[in-house]
Amino acid sequence: MSVQQEIYSTLIERLRGGAISTGQRLPTEKELAAEFAVSRSTVQAVMSRLVHEGMVRRYAGRGTYACRVEEDMRIRVNLDIHNIQSFENEMAVKGDRVTYRLVSFSKVPAPPRAAEKLGLAIGTPVLALYRLRFVEDACIGSEIRYFSPDVVLSVPVSDLETQGAHDLVERGLGIEIGRIEAVLRAVVASERQAGDLGVEPGAPLLVRSHTLYDSAEQVILHGESHYVEPFSFRYTATLRNSVKN
């Protein structure tokens, strides 16, 4: 076993065994180099591997911290990328109920990403629905929905506090959803998000953005859902065999 592999195996054992707990700061590269009597470049190679595998996360000026592993996630959702459903339906399959806390429902200037998806100029006033999401009384994130100006909204506040976006569109507005485009990405929490979600500013957030189209391919809304770290999506995809001549 190489020295580099030995260091890696030792740190993995500490991370998985609880000697270094989730969220705990790891020793510095200098300290690890001294502990294992190796050069810092050797330690850097090991740390880069751990970062790539999602075992640790580096923060500029703050150090390296242990991440949650999949088994630590309190809430997990299997995501079928060929049949994207609402978050509420995905959770219902697991037997969990989603509840909301309405934060705001008002006109706001469309941000760049939403403006592009809605086919509007940046800053065009649009109705935005902003809510916090809860599963089993635990806040797991927030959602914001930017509605197309072509959509006529006439729903009671009680619906905004209890119904998922898909139900609001299909049941409340009578619009059939024809297609959904969804993208997963990672960001860090802004000051406002940190306050709303009870995390530190700069904490990692998983973002699921999606655009809903009606059966005539007209945009209904563009939305983004932000999830805190004890949450994960698990997805699978099947490769289609190529046809041989």
Protein backbone atom coordinates (compact mmCIF):
# COMPACT_ATOMS: atom_id res chain seq x y z
CA MET A 1 0.00 0.00 0.00
CA SER A 2 1.37 3.41 -0.97
CA VAL A 3 1.80 6.15 1.63
CA GLN A 4 -0.89 8.20 -0.10
CA GLN A 5 -3.36 5.29 0.00
CA GLU A 6 -2.53 4.67 3.66
CA ILE A 7 -3.32 8.28 4.57
CA TYR A 8 -6.52 8.12 2.54
CA SER A 9 -7.65 4.90 4.23
CA THR A 10 -6.89 6.32 7.67
CA LEU A 11 -8.89 9.48 7.06
CA ILE A 12 -11.79 7.50 5.56
CA GLU A 13 -11.85 5.34 8.68
CA ARG A 14 -11.93 8.43 10.89
CA LEU A 15 -14.71 10.01 8.84
CA ARG A 16 -16.88 6.91 8.65
CA GLY A 17 -16.12 5.74 12.17
CA GLY A 18 -17.06 9.03 13.81
CA ALA A 19 -13.61 10.06 15.01
CA ILE A 20 -14.17 13.07 12.75
CA SER A 21 -17.87 13.88 12.99
CA THR A 22 -20.06 15.51 10.37
CA GLY A 23 -19.40 19.24 10.22
CA GLN A 24 -16.16 18.97 12.18
CA ARG A 25 -13.08 20.76 10.92
CA LEU A 26 -10.24 18.50 9.82
CA PRO A 27 -6.60 19.13 10.79
CA THR A 28 -4.77 21.45 8.42
CA GLU A 29 -2.63 20.06 5.61
CA LYS A 30 0.44 21.13 7.59
CA GLU A 31 -0.76 19.24 10.66
CA LEU A 32 -1.58 16.12 8.64
CA ALA A 33 1.76 16.25 6.89
CA ALA A 34 3.49 16.34 10.28
CA GLU A 35 1.32 13.51 11.64
CA PHE A 36 2.07 11.18 8.74
CA ALA A 37 5.63 12.46 8.17
CA VAL A 38 5.00 13.25 4.50
CA SER A 39 5.13 16.30 2.29
CA ARG A 40 2.17 18.68 2.05
CA SER A 41 1.82 17.81 -1.64
CA THR A 42 1.06 14.21 -0.63
CA VAL A 43 -1.61 15.38 1.80
CA GLN A 44 -3.04 17.77 -0.80
CA ALA A 45 -3.47 14.86 -3.23
CA VAL A 46 -5.36 12.88 -0.60
CA MET A 47 -7.57 15.84 0.33
CA SER A 48 -8.38 16.50 -3.32
CA ARG A 49 -9.57 12.90 -3.62
CA LEU A 50 -11.75 13.23 -0.52
CA VAL A 51 -13.26 16.45 -1.87
CA HIS A 52 -13.96 14.80 -5.22
CA GLU A 53 -15.68 11.88 -3.48
CA GLY A 54 -17.83 14.22 -1.40
CA MET A 55 -16.37 13.16 1.94
CA VAL A 56 -15.07 16.62 2.85
CA ARG A 57 -15.67 20.18 1.73
CA ARG A 58 -13.17 23.03 1.59
CA TYR A 59 -14.06 26.60 2.51
CA ALA A 60 -11.68 29.37 1.53
CA GLY A 61 -10.11 30.88 4.64
CA ARG A 62 -11.99 28.52 6.98
CA GLY A 63 -10.52 25.09 6.40
CA THR A 64 -11.78 21.63 5.43
CA TYR A 65 -14.88 20.09 7.03
CA ALA A 66 -16.40 16.61 7.09
CA CYS A 67 -19.52 16.23 4.93
CA ARG A 68 -22.57 14.15 5.47
CA VAL A 69 -22.51 10.81 3.70
CA GLU A 70 -25.64 9.46 2.05
CA GLU A 71 -26.59 7.31 5.04
CA ASP A 72 -26.68 10.46 7.20
CA MET A 73 -29.32 12.15 5.06
CA ARG A 74 -32.59 12.47 6.94
CA ILE A 75 -34.63 12.80 3.75
CA ARG A 76 -33.89 11.13 0.45
CA VAL A 77 -35.89 11.09 -2.76
CA ASN A 78 -35.51 8.75 -5.72
CA LEU A 79 -35.63 10.87 -8.85
CA ASP A 80 -36.74 9.36 -12.15
CA ILE A 81 -35.15 11.67 -14.70
CA HIS A 82 -37.41 10.32 -17.45
CA ASN A 83 -40.59 11.09 -15.50
CA ILE A 84 -40.09 14.23 -13.41
CA GLN A 85 -42.84 14.65 -10.84
CA SER A 86 -43.68 17.25 -8.25
CA PHE A 87 -41.69 17.13 -5.04
CA GLU A 88 -44.91 16.50 -3.16
CA ASN A 89 -45.68 13.40 -5.25
CA GLU A 90 -42.14 12.11 -4.84
CA MET A 91 -42.43 12.45 -1.07
CA ALA A 92 -45.92 10.90 -1.04
CA VAL A 93 -44.45 7.73 -2.54
CA LYS A 94 -42.31 7.49 0.61
CA GLY A 95 -45.32 8.12 2.83
CA ASP A 96 -44.18 11.60 3.89
CA ARG A 97 -46.32 14.74 3.92
CA VAL A 98 -45.06 18.13 2.79
CA THR A 99 -46.29 21.30 4.50
CA TYR A 100 -45.52 24.95 3.82
CA ARG A 101 -45.05 28.31 5.46
CA LEU A 102 -46.05 31.15 3.15
CA VAL A 103 -43.46 33.93 3.24
CA SER A 104 -44.62 36.19 0.42
CA PHE A 105 -46.78 36.33 -2.69
CA SER A 106 -46.28 39.55 -4.58
CA LYS A 107 -44.90 41.14 -7.72
CA VAL A 108 -41.11 41.29 -7.94
CA PRO A 109 -38.61 42.17 -10.69
CA ALA A 110 -37.88 38.99 -12.64
CA PRO A 111 -34.28 37.86 -11.97
CA PRO A 112 -32.12 36.91 -14.98
CA ARG A 113 -32.71 33.15 -14.89
CA ALA A 114 -36.48 33.45 -14.48
CA ALA A 115 -36.71 36.24 -17.07
CA GLU A 116 -34.91 34.08 -19.63
CA LYS A 117 -37.18 31.09 -19.03
CA LEU A 118 -40.33 33.22 -19.10
CA GLY A 119 -39.22 35.06 -22.24
CA LEU A 120 -39.19 38.45 -20.52
CA ALA A 121 -36.80 41.34 -20.09
CA ILE A 122 -34.81 41.20 -16.87
CA GLY A 123 -36.61 43.17 -14.18
CA THR A 124 -40.09 42.77 -15.67
CA PRO A 125 -42.60 42.62 -12.78
CA VAL A 126 -43.91 39.08 -12.23
CA LEU A 127 -45.85 37.38 -9.47
CA ALA A 128 -43.56 35.37 -7.22
CA LEU A 129 -44.60 32.80 -4.64
CA TYR A 130 -42.02 32.23 -1.89
CA ARG A 131 -42.54 29.51 0.72
CA LEU A 132 -40.60 27.40 3.19
CA ARG A 133 -41.01 23.64 2.93
CA PHE A 134 -41.33 21.19 5.81
CA VAL A 135 -41.30 17.40 6.00
CA GLU A 136 -42.29 15.90 9.34
CA ASP A 137 -42.03 19.39 10.89
CA ALA A 138 -38.40 19.73 9.77
CA CYS A 139 -37.59 22.64 7.45
CA ILE A 140 -35.86 21.05 4.49
CA GLY A 141 -35.69 24.09 2.23
CA SER A 142 -37.52 26.84 0.40
CA GLU A 143 -39.22 27.29 -2.94
CA ILE A 144 -39.88 30.28 -5.15
CA ARG A 145 -42.14 30.27 -8.21
CA TYR A 146 -42.18 33.01 -10.85
CA PHE A 147 -45.42 32.97 -12.84
CA SER A 148 -45.77 33.98 -16.47
CA PRO A 149 -47.69 37.28 -16.89
CA ASP A 150 -49.99 35.34 -19.24
CA VAL A 151 -51.22 33.21 -16.36
CA VAL A 152 -54.28 34.59 -14.58
CA LEU A 153 -53.97 33.79 -10.89
CA SER A 154 -57.13 33.67 -8.85
CA VAL A 155 -56.65 31.33 -5.90
CA PRO A 156 -57.36 31.80 -2.18
CA VAL A 157 -54.48 32.33 0.22
CA SER A 158 -55.36 29.04 1.90
CA ASP A 159 -54.35 27.22 -1.32
CA LEU A 160 -51.02 29.02 -1.37
CA GLU A 161 -50.39 27.73 2.14
CA THR A 162 -51.39 24.12 1.52
CA GLN A 163 -51.04 23.10 -2.12
CA GLY A 164 -47.95 22.21 -4.15
CA ALA A 165 -47.15 24.22 -7.26
CA HIS A 166 -48.35 21.44 -9.58
CA ASP A 167 -51.70 21.29 -7.81
CA LEU A 168 -52.01 25.08 -7.89
CA VAL A 169 -51.50 25.02 -11.64
CA GLU A 170 -53.63 22.00 -12.54
CA ARG A 171 -56.39 22.14 -9.94
CA GLY A 172 -56.43 25.80 -8.95
CA LEU A 173 -55.85 27.34 -12.39
CA GLY A 174 -57.19 24.53 -14.56
CA ILE A 175 -54.02 24.39 -16.67
CA GLU A 176 -52.71 21.02 -17.82
CA ILE A 177 -48.96 20.62 -17.40
CA GLY A 178 -47.55 19.26 -20.63
CA ARG A 179 -43.83 19.21 -19.97
CA ILE A 180 -41.28 19.93 -17.24
CA GLU A 181 -37.64 20.88 -17.62
CA ALA A 182 -35.57 20.35 -14.47
CA VAL A 183 -31.96 21.03 -13.54
CA LEU A 184 -29.99 20.21 -10.38
CA ARG A 185 -27.11 22.40 -9.25
CA ALA A 186 -25.35 23.46 -6.05
CA VAL A 187 -25.07 26.95 -4.52
CA VAL A 188 -24.22 28.49 -1.16
CA ALA A 189 -26.79 30.13 1.10
CA SER A 190 -27.21 33.89 0.91
CA GLU A 191 -27.76 35.95 4.06
CA ARG A 192 -31.53 35.86 3.58
CA GLN A 193 -31.63 32.14 2.79
CA ALA A 194 -29.46 31.41 5.81
CA GLY A 195 -31.88 33.28 8.06
CA ASP A 196 -34.96 31.61 6.57
CA LEU A 197 -33.53 28.08 6.60
CA GLY A 198 -31.62 28.21 9.88
CA VAL A 199 -28.19 27.57 8.36
CA GLU A 200 -24.95 29.52 8.25
CA PRO A 201 -24.38 32.02 5.41
CA GLY A 202 -22.35 30.20 2.78
CA ALA A 203 -23.72 26.78 3.76
CA PRO A 204 -24.20 24.40 0.78
CA LEU A 205 -27.65 24.20 -0.76
CA LEU A 206 -28.93 21.85 -3.45
CA VAL A 207 -31.04 23.67 -6.03
CA ARG A 208 -33.64 22.05 -8.21
CA SER A 209 -34.83 24.52 -10.81
CA HIS A 210 -37.63 23.69 -13.17
CA THR A 211 -39.79 25.25 -15.85
CA LEU A 212 -43.38 24.15 -16.40
CA TYR A 213 -45.01 24.22 -19.86
CA ASP A 214 -48.63 23.68 -20.74
CA SER A 215 -49.81 21.25 -23.44
CA ALA A 216 -49.39 24.02 -26.05
CA GLU A 217 -45.72 24.49 -25.03
CA GLN A 218 -46.42 27.84 -23.38
CA VAL A 219 -44.41 28.61 -20.24
CA ILE A 220 -46.51 28.55 -17.08
CA LEU A 221 -43.87 29.27 -14.48
CA HIS A 222 -40.21 28.96 -13.62
CA GLY A 223 -39.26 27.92 -10.12
CA GLU A 224 -36.35 27.07 -7.90
CA SER A 225 -36.32 24.91 -4.79
CA HIS A 226 -33.41 25.11 -2.35
CA TYR A 227 -32.69 22.15 -0.08
CA VAL A 228 -30.55 22.12 3.06
CA GLU A 229 -27.75 19.58 3.45
CA PRO A 230 -29.60 16.74 5.29
CA PHE A 231 -31.47 16.12 2.03
CA SER A 232 -30.49 14.31 -1.14
CA PHE A 233 -31.86 13.21 -4.49
CA ARG A 234 -30.96 9.76 -5.73
CA TYR A 235 -31.49 9.27 -9.41
CA THR A 236 -30.96 6.51 -11.93
CA ALA A 237 -30.96 6.47 -15.70
CA THR A 238 -31.06 3.56 -18.13
CA LEU A 239 -28.75 3.62 -21.11
CA ARG A 240 -30.47 2.71 -24.35
CA ASN A 241 -28.59 0.12 -26.37
CA SER A 242 -27.52 1.39 -29.75
CA VAL A 243 -29.07 -0.33 -32.73
CA LYS A 244 -26.56 -2.31 -34.76
CA ASN A 245 -26.88 -2.45 -38.51
